[in-house]
Amino acid sequence: MIQEASAMGLLRTLLIILLVYFGFKILARLFAPLLLKFVAKKAEEKFGGQFGGFQNQNQQQQAQKRKEGETVIDKMPNEKGSSNPDVGEYIDYEEIE
């Protein structure tokens, strides 16, 4: 009787462990996407708040400097032109048969 009781206890313990393991796997598959969305949203708010504060401040400073209807050029065009001096010149070759 003692061996039978310990075998039943062992079997019961293994069954509980397996049920908890598979139950956790099922719950993880259900709630993992929700948890990841929540974490991503919080990270976006955190980084957006840090960057947004800088961006807002920068936009406000630029808006104060500009007048309505004023044209602003942020980038100056290249003086050299569009060709790259390191490339060389283009030569058109004709095939000879």
Protein backbone atom coordinates (compact mmCIF):
# COMPACT_ATOMS: atom_id res chain seq x y z
CA MET A 1 0.00 0.00 0.00
CA ILE A 2 2.81 2.43 0.74
CA GLN A 3 4.33 2.02 -2.73
CA GLU A 4 0.94 2.45 -4.36
CA ALA A 5 0.27 5.67 -2.47
CA SER A 6 3.66 7.15 -3.40
CA ALA A 7 3.19 6.14 -7.05
CA MET A 8 -0.21 7.86 -7.06
CA GLY A 9 1.31 10.92 -5.39
CA LEU A 10 4.10 11.03 -7.95
CA LEU A 11 1.63 10.65 -10.81
CA ARG A 12 -0.58 13.37 -9.34
CA THR A 13 2.42 15.71 -8.91
CA LEU A 14 3.55 15.14 -12.50
CA LEU A 15 0.01 15.75 -13.76
CA ILE A 16 -0.22 19.04 -11.84
CA ILE A 17 3.17 20.15 -13.18
CA LEU A 18 2.14 19.34 -16.76
CA LEU A 19 -1.20 21.12 -16.38
CA VAL A 20 0.49 24.23 -14.99
CA TYR A 21 3.10 24.15 -17.78
CA PHE A 22 0.58 23.78 -20.62
CA GLY A 23 -1.80 26.25 -18.99
CA PHE A 24 1.01 28.79 -18.82
CA LYS A 25 1.88 28.20 -22.48
CA ILE A 26 -1.74 28.75 -23.56
CA LEU A 27 -2.11 31.89 -21.45
CA ALA A 28 1.22 33.20 -22.71
CA ARG A 29 0.08 32.80 -26.32
CA LEU A 30 -3.13 34.65 -25.55
CA PHE A 31 -1.68 37.50 -23.51
CA ALA A 32 1.81 37.94 -25.04
CA PRO A 33 0.59 40.12 -27.95
CA LEU A 34 -1.36 42.33 -25.56
CA LEU A 35 1.61 42.62 -23.24
CA LEU A 36 3.96 43.46 -26.12
CA LYS A 37 1.57 46.13 -27.41
CA PHE A 38 1.39 47.64 -23.94
CA VAL A 39 5.18 47.67 -23.54
CA ALA A 40 5.68 49.13 -27.04
CA LYS A 41 3.09 51.83 -26.36
CA LYS A 42 4.77 52.81 -23.10
CA ALA A 43 8.21 52.90 -24.76
CA GLU A 44 6.80 55.01 -27.60
CA GLU A 45 5.29 57.45 -25.10
CA LYS A 46 8.57 57.66 -23.19
CA PHE A 47 10.76 58.23 -26.25
CA GLY A 48 8.13 60.39 -27.93
CA GLY A 49 7.94 62.59 -24.85
CA GLN A 50 11.69 63.04 -24.80
CA PHE A 51 11.99 63.69 -28.52
CA GLY A 52 8.66 65.51 -28.77
CA GLY A 53 9.72 68.03 -26.16
CA PHE A 54 12.84 68.83 -28.13
CA GLN A 55 10.93 68.90 -31.42
CA ASN A 56 8.17 71.12 -30.02
CA GLN A 57 10.70 73.55 -28.59
CA ASN A 58 12.60 73.62 -31.90
CA GLN A 59 9.40 74.23 -33.91
CA GLN A 60 8.32 77.03 -31.60
CA GLN A 61 11.68 78.77 -31.97
CA GLN A 62 11.51 78.49 -35.76
CA ALA A 63 7.93 79.75 -35.83
CA GLN A 64 8.89 82.81 -33.80
CA LYS A 65 11.76 83.63 -36.17
CA ARG A 66 9.67 83.35 -39.37
CA LYS A 67 7.10 85.76 -40.60
CA GLU A 68 3.96 84.66 -42.41
CA GLY A 69 4.56 84.11 -46.13
CA GLU A 70 8.34 84.09 -45.77
CA THR A 71 10.24 81.52 -47.83
CA VAL A 72 12.87 79.57 -45.92
CA ILE A 73 15.62 77.47 -47.52
CA ASP A 74 17.05 74.95 -45.08
CA LYS A 75 19.78 73.55 -47.34
CA MET A 76 22.12 75.43 -49.61
CA PRO A 77 22.64 73.87 -53.06
CA ASN A 78 26.05 72.47 -54.00
CA GLU A 79 28.33 74.90 -55.79
CA LYS A 80 30.16 72.11 -57.65
CA GLY A 81 27.13 70.83 -59.50
CA SER A 82 25.67 67.37 -59.64
CA SER A 83 28.73 65.50 -60.99
CA ASN A 84 31.10 63.75 -58.66
CA PRO A 85 34.77 64.60 -59.37
CA ASP A 86 35.93 61.15 -58.22
CA VAL A 87 33.87 59.32 -60.85
CA GLY A 88 35.55 60.68 -63.99
CA GLU A 89 33.96 61.45 -67.32
CA TYR A 90 31.49 59.32 -69.22
CA ILE A 91 32.74 57.63 -72.40
CA ASP A 92 30.28 56.08 -74.84
CA TYR A 93 31.74 52.94 -76.38
CA GLU A 94 30.64 51.38 -79.66
CA GLU A 95 30.97 47.64 -80.20
CA ILE A 96 33.12 46.48 -83.12
CA GLU A 97 32.39 43.11 -84.73
